[in-house]
Amino acid sequence: MKDLHMSRLTITLSEPRYRALKEAAAQRNKTIGQLIDESLDFYGIKSREQALIGHSLGQ
């Protein structure tokens, strides 16, 4: 379940890391934001609401 309201975030990356992130997103036909969102899912980082929904469903 994705949030309808999205917040903006500013991060500081080295130029080589930024280029690598941009290239990885392009290779996957995704935006940098989508790639970061998927990475957060992979590491189990959830909003409080997502965690509560998952808990109530027994996940």
PDB file of N, CA and C in Angstrom:
ATOM      1  N   MET A   1       0.858  -1.179   0.000  1.00  0.00           N
ATOM      2  CA  MET A   1       0.000   0.000   0.000  1.00  0.00           C
ATOM      3  C   MET A   1       0.897   1.233   0.000  1.00  0.00           C
ATOM      4  N   LYS A   2       0.779   2.062  -0.973  1.00  0.00           N
ATOM      5  CA  LYS A   2       1.607   3.258  -1.086  1.00  0.00           C
ATOM      6  C   LYS A   2       0.844   4.466  -0.549  1.00  0.00           C
ATOM      7  N   ASP A   3       1.591   5.367   0.084  1.00  0.00           N
ATOM      8  CA  ASP A   3       0.995   6.608   0.569  1.00  0.00           C
ATOM      9  C   ASP A   3       0.595   7.470  -0.614  1.00  0.00           C
ATOM     10  N   LEU A   4      -0.531   8.143  -0.501  1.00  0.00           N
ATOM     11  CA  LEU A   4      -0.952   9.065  -1.549  1.00  0.00           C
ATOM     12  C   LEU A   4      -0.170  10.366  -1.452  1.00  0.00           C
ATOM     13  N   HIS A   5       0.213  10.748  -0.248  1.00  0.00           N
ATOM     14  CA  HIS A   5       0.998  11.966  -0.050  1.00  0.00           C
ATOM     15  C   HIS A   5       2.461  11.586   0.048  1.00  0.00           C
ATOM     16  N   MET A   6       3.276  12.190  -0.772  1.00  0.00           N
ATOM     17  CA  MET A   6       4.706  11.895  -0.769  1.00  0.00           C
ATOM     18  C   MET A   6       5.456  13.115  -0.236  1.00  0.00           C
ATOM     19  N   SER A   7       6.436  12.867   0.601  1.00  0.00           N
ATOM     20  CA  SER A   7       7.281  13.940   1.117  1.00  0.00           C
ATOM     21  C   SER A   7       8.559  14.024   0.303  1.00  0.00           C
ATOM     22  N   ARG A   8       9.145  15.186   0.265  1.00  0.00           N
ATOM     23  CA  ARG A   8      10.417  15.387  -0.431  1.00  0.00           C
ATOM     24  C   ARG A   8      11.547  15.254   0.579  1.00  0.00           C
ATOM     25  N   LEU A   9      12.684  14.800   0.098  1.00  0.00           N
ATOM     26  CA  LEU A   9      13.838  14.583   0.948  1.00  0.00           C
ATOM     27  C   LEU A   9      15.076  15.056   0.208  1.00  0.00           C
ATOM     28  N   THR A  10      15.926  15.747   0.903  1.00  0.00           N
ATOM     29  CA  THR A  10      17.203  16.164   0.322  1.00  0.00           C
ATOM     30  C   THR A  10      18.304  15.397   1.033  1.00  0.00           C
ATOM     31  N   ILE A  11      19.166  14.737   0.254  1.00  0.00           N
ATOM     32  CA  ILE A  11      20.300  14.024   0.826  1.00  0.00           C
ATOM     33  C   ILE A  11      21.573  14.480   0.123  1.00  0.00           C
ATOM     34  N   THR A  12      22.686  14.277   0.776  1.00  0.00           N
ATOM     35  CA  THR A  12      23.966  14.631   0.187  1.00  0.00           C
ATOM     36  C   THR A  12      24.715  13.343  -0.142  1.00  0.00           C
ATOM     37  N   LEU A  13      25.069  13.199  -1.419  1.00  0.00           N
ATOM     38  CA  LEU A  13      25.829  12.045  -1.890  1.00  0.00           C
ATOM     39  C   LEU A  13      27.062  12.544  -2.613  1.00  0.00           C
ATOM     40  N   SER A  14      28.105  11.736  -2.598  1.00  0.00           N
ATOM     41  CA  SER A  14      29.251  12.083  -3.420  1.00  0.00           C
ATOM     42  C   SER A  14      28.823  12.001  -4.882  1.00  0.00           C
ATOM     43  N   GLU A  15      29.521  12.710  -5.719  1.00  0.00           N
ATOM     44  CA  GLU A  15      29.177  12.700  -7.149  1.00  0.00           C
ATOM     45  C   GLU A  15      29.233  11.278  -7.732  1.00  0.00           C
ATOM     46  N   PRO A  16      30.271  10.483  -7.423  1.00  0.00           N
ATOM     47  CA  PRO A  16      30.284   9.110  -7.961  1.00  0.00           C
ATOM     48  C   PRO A  16      29.110   8.259  -7.467  1.00  0.00           C
ATOM     49  N   ARG A  17      28.731   8.413  -6.205  1.00  0.00           N
ATOM     50  CA  ARG A  17      27.600   7.643  -5.677  1.00  0.00           C
ATOM     51  C   ARG A  17      26.305   8.094  -6.349  1.00  0.00           C
ATOM     52  N   TYR A  18      26.127   9.407  -6.544  1.00  0.00           N
ATOM     53  CA  TYR A  18      24.939   9.917  -7.228  1.00  0.00           C
ATOM     54  C   TYR A  18      24.850   9.371  -8.646  1.00  0.00           C
ATOM     55  N   ARG A  19      25.971   9.403  -9.374  1.00  0.00           N
ATOM     56  CA  ARG A  19      25.979   8.879 -10.749  1.00  0.00           C
ATOM     57  C   ARG A  19      25.630   7.391 -10.763  1.00  0.00           C
ATOM     58  N   ALA A  20      26.174   6.638  -9.806  1.00  0.00           N
ATOM     59  CA  ALA A  20      25.884   5.202  -9.727  1.00  0.00           C
ATOM     60  C   ALA A  20      24.401   4.961  -9.438  1.00  0.00           C
ATOM     61  N   LEU A  21      23.826   5.759  -8.548  1.00  0.00           N
ATOM     62  CA  LEU A  21      22.405   5.632  -8.222  1.00  0.00           C
ATOM     63  C   LEU A  21      21.548   5.976  -9.434  1.00  0.00           C
ATOM     64  N   LYS A  22      21.900   7.060 -10.111  1.00  0.00           N
ATOM     65  CA  LYS A  22      21.160   7.486 -11.298  1.00  0.00           C
ATOM     66  C   LYS A  22      21.232   6.414 -12.391  1.00  0.00           C
ATOM     67  N   GLU A  23      22.419   5.847 -12.584  1.00  0.00           N
ATOM     68  CA  GLU A  23      22.597   4.801 -13.591  1.00  0.00           C
ATOM     69  C   GLU A  23      21.807   3.538 -13.228  1.00  0.00           C
ATOM     70  N   ALA A  24      21.846   3.152 -11.961  1.00  0.00           N
ATOM     71  CA  ALA A  24      21.098   1.972 -11.515  1.00  0.00           C
ATOM     72  C   ALA A  24      19.603   2.148 -11.737  1.00  0.00           C
ATOM     73  N   ALA A  25      19.094   3.339 -11.436  1.00  0.00           N
ATOM     74  CA  ALA A  25      17.669   3.612 -11.648  1.00  0.00           C
ATOM     75  C   ALA A  25      17.337   3.542 -13.136  1.00  0.00           C
ATOM     76  N   ALA A  26      18.162   4.133 -13.974  1.00  0.00           N
ATOM     77  CA  ALA A  26      17.920   4.122 -15.420  1.00  0.00           C
ATOM     78  C   ALA A  26      17.944   2.703 -15.973  1.00  0.00           C
ATOM     79  N   GLN A  27      18.894   1.890 -15.507  1.00  0.00           N
ATOM     80  CA  GLN A  27      18.987   0.506 -15.977  1.00  0.00           C
ATOM     81  C   GLN A  27      17.749  -0.299 -15.622  1.00  0.00           C
ATOM     82  N   ARG A  28      17.095   0.072 -14.539  1.00  0.00           N
ATOM     83  CA  ARG A  28      15.893  -0.634 -14.086  1.00  0.00           C
ATOM     84  C   ARG A  28      14.614   0.048 -14.558  1.00  0.00           C
ATOM     85  N   ASN A  29      14.778   1.126 -15.362  1.00  0.00           N
ATOM     86  CA  ASN A  29      13.634   1.896 -15.863  1.00  0.00           C
ATOM     87  C   ASN A  29      12.768   2.409 -14.709  1.00  0.00           C
ATOM     88  N   LYS A  30      13.438   2.938 -13.672  1.00  0.00           N
ATOM     89  CA  LYS A  30      12.761   3.465 -12.494  1.00  0.00           C
ATOM     90  C   LYS A  30      13.319   4.838 -12.169  1.00  0.00           C
ATOM     91  N   THR A  31      12.595   5.572 -11.354  1.00  0.00           N
ATOM     92  CA  THR A  31      13.114   6.838 -10.854  1.00  0.00           C
ATOM     93  C   THR A  31      14.014   6.541  -9.655  1.00  0.00           C
ATOM     94  N   ILE A  32      14.839   7.511  -9.297  1.00  0.00           N
ATOM     95  CA  ILE A  32      15.664   7.352  -8.102  1.00  0.00           C
ATOM     96  C   ILE A  32      14.764   7.148  -6.882  1.00  0.00           C
ATOM     97  N   GLY A  33      13.680   7.885  -6.813  1.00  0.00           N
ATOM     98  CA  GLY A  33      12.739   7.737  -5.698  1.00  0.00           C
ATOM     99  C   GLY A  33      12.169   6.332  -5.603  1.00  0.00           C
ATOM    100  N   GLN A  34      11.814   5.752  -6.756  1.00  0.00           N
ATOM    101  CA  GLN A  34      11.287   4.386  -6.754  1.00  0.00           C
ATOM    102  C   GLN A  34      12.347   3.399  -6.278  1.00  0.00           C
ATOM    103  N   LEU A  35      13.576   3.595  -6.729  1.00  0.00           N
ATOM    104  CA  LEU A  35      14.668   2.706  -6.334  1.00  0.00           C
ATOM    105  C   LEU A  35      14.908   2.788  -4.823  1.00  0.00           C
ATOM    106  N   ILE A  36      14.891   3.985  -4.277  1.00  0.00           N
ATOM    107  CA  ILE A  36      15.078   4.154  -2.833  1.00  0.00           C
ATOM    108  C   ILE A  36      13.910   3.542  -2.078  1.00  0.00           C
ATOM    109  N   ASP A  37      12.684   3.748  -2.547  1.00  0.00           N
ATOM    110  CA  ASP A  37      11.499   3.182  -1.898  1.00  0.00           C
ATOM    111  C   ASP A  37      11.579   1.654  -1.867  1.00  0.00           C
ATOM    112  N   GLU A  38      11.991   1.045  -2.986  1.00  0.00           N
ATOM    113  CA  GLU A  38      12.139  -0.412  -3.034  1.00  0.00           C
ATOM    114  C   GLU A  38      13.242  -0.887  -2.090  1.00  0.00           C
ATOM    115  N   SER A  39      14.301  -0.106  -1.985  1.00  0.00           N
ATOM    116  CA  SER A  39      15.393  -0.459  -1.077  1.00  0.00           C
ATOM    117  C   SER A  39      14.924  -0.428   0.375  1.00  0.00           C
ATOM    118  N   LEU A  40      14.120   0.557   0.714  1.00  0.00           N
ATOM    119  CA  LEU A  40      13.576   0.633   2.071  1.00  0.00           C
ATOM    120  C   LEU A  40      12.690  -0.576   2.356  1.00  0.00           C
ATOM    121  N   ASP A  41      11.862  -0.969   1.384  1.00  0.00           N
ATOM    122  CA  ASP A  41      11.037  -2.169   1.540  1.00  0.00           C
ATOM    123  C   ASP A  41      11.920  -3.393   1.756  1.00  0.00           C
ATOM    124  N   PHE A  42      12.980  -3.522   0.963  1.00  0.00           N
ATOM    125  CA  PHE A  42      13.884  -4.656   1.060  1.00  0.00           C
ATOM    126  C   PHE A  42      14.487  -4.772   2.462  1.00  0.00           C
ATOM    127  N   TYR A  43      14.834  -3.639   3.061  1.00  0.00           N
ATOM    128  CA  TYR A  43      15.431  -3.632   4.386  1.00  0.00           C
ATOM    129  C   TYR A  43      14.393  -3.621   5.507  1.00  0.00           C
ATOM    130  N   GLY A  44      13.120  -3.715   5.151  1.00  0.00           N
ATOM    131  CA  GLY A  44      12.061  -3.802   6.155  1.00  0.00           C
ATOM    132  C   GLY A  44      11.759  -2.495   6.848  1.00  0.00           C
ATOM    133  N   ILE A  45      12.129  -1.385   6.228  1.00  0.00           N
ATOM    134  CA  ILE A  45      11.879  -0.072   6.823  1.00  0.00           C
ATOM    135  C   ILE A  45      10.485   0.373   6.401  1.00  0.00           C
ATOM    136  N   LYS A  46       9.599   0.486   7.402  1.00  0.00           N
ATOM    137  CA  LYS A  46       8.190   0.781   7.136  1.00  0.00           C
ATOM    138  C   LYS A  46       7.735   1.990   7.935  1.00  0.00           C
ATOM    139  N   SER A  47       6.672   2.607   7.446  1.00  0.00           N
ATOM    140  CA  SER A  47       6.042   3.661   8.245  1.00  0.00           C
ATOM    141  C   SER A  47       5.312   2.991   9.412  1.00  0.00           C
ATOM    142  N   ARG A  48       5.004   3.749  10.396  1.00  0.00           N
ATOM    143  CA  ARG A  48       4.263   3.216  11.540  1.00  0.00           C
ATOM    144  C   ARG A  48       2.946   2.595  11.083  1.00  0.00           C
ATOM    145  N   GLU A  49       2.272   3.260  10.143  1.00  0.00           N
ATOM    146  CA  GLU A  49       0.990   2.761   9.649  1.00  0.00           C
ATOM    147  C   GLU A  49       1.162   1.417   8.943  1.00  0.00           C
ATOM    148  N   GLN A  50       2.208   1.291   8.105  1.00  0.00           N
ATOM    149  CA  GLN A  50       2.461   0.032   7.407  1.00  0.00           C
ATOM    150  C   GLN A  50       2.764  -1.081   8.415  1.00  0.00           C
ATOM    151  N   ALA A  51       3.546  -0.764   9.442  1.00  0.00           N
ATOM    152  CA  ALA A  51       3.899  -1.759  10.452  1.00  0.00           C
ATOM    153  C   ALA A  51       2.657  -2.227  11.206  1.00  0.00           C
ATOM    154  N   LEU A  52       1.780  -1.291  11.546  1.00  0.00           N
ATOM    155  CA  LEU A  52       0.556  -1.651  12.273  1.00  0.00           C
ATOM    156  C   LEU A  52      -0.371  -2.490  11.402  1.00  0.00           C
ATOM    157  N   ILE A  53      -0.472  -2.153  10.113  1.00  0.00           N
ATOM    158  CA  ILE A  53      -1.322  -2.937   9.200  1.00  0.00           C
ATOM    159  C   ILE A  53      -0.759  -4.351   9.065  1.00  0.00           C
ATOM    160  N   GLY A  54       0.555  -4.459   8.864  1.00  0.00           N
ATOM    161  CA  GLY A  54       1.176  -5.767   8.756  1.00  0.00           C
ATOM    162  C   GLY A  54       1.003  -6.598  10.018  1.00  0.00           C
ATOM    163  N   HIS A  55       1.117  -5.949  11.183  1.00  0.00           N
ATOM    164  CA  HIS A  55       0.960  -6.637  12.458  1.00  0.00           C
ATOM    165  C   HIS A  55      -0.466  -7.145  12.615  1.00  0.00           C
ATOM    166  N   SER A  56      -1.449  -6.334  12.238  1.00  0.00           N
ATOM    167  CA  SER A  56      -2.842  -6.729  12.404  1.00  0.00           C
ATOM    168  C   SER A  56      -3.218  -7.856  11.433  1.00  0.00           C
ATOM    169  N   LEU A  57      -2.474  -7.976  10.324  1.00  0.00           N
ATOM    170  CA  LEU A  57      -2.727  -9.060   9.360  1.00  0.00           C
ATOM    171  C   LEU A  57      -1.884 -10.295   9.662  1.00  0.00           C
ATOM    172  N   GLY A  58      -1.083 -10.228  10.731  1.00  0.00           N
ATOM    173  CA  GLY A  58      -0.262 -11.364  11.119  1.00  0.00           C
ATOM    174  C   GLY A  58       0.994 -11.524  10.277  1.00  0.00           C
ATOM    175  N   GLN A  59       1.476 -10.440   9.671  1.00  0.00           N
ATOM    176  CA  GLN A  59       2.684 -10.515   8.831  1.00  0.00           C
ATOM    177  C   GLN A  59       3.913 -10.168   9.624  1.00  0.00           C
TER     178      GLN A  59
END
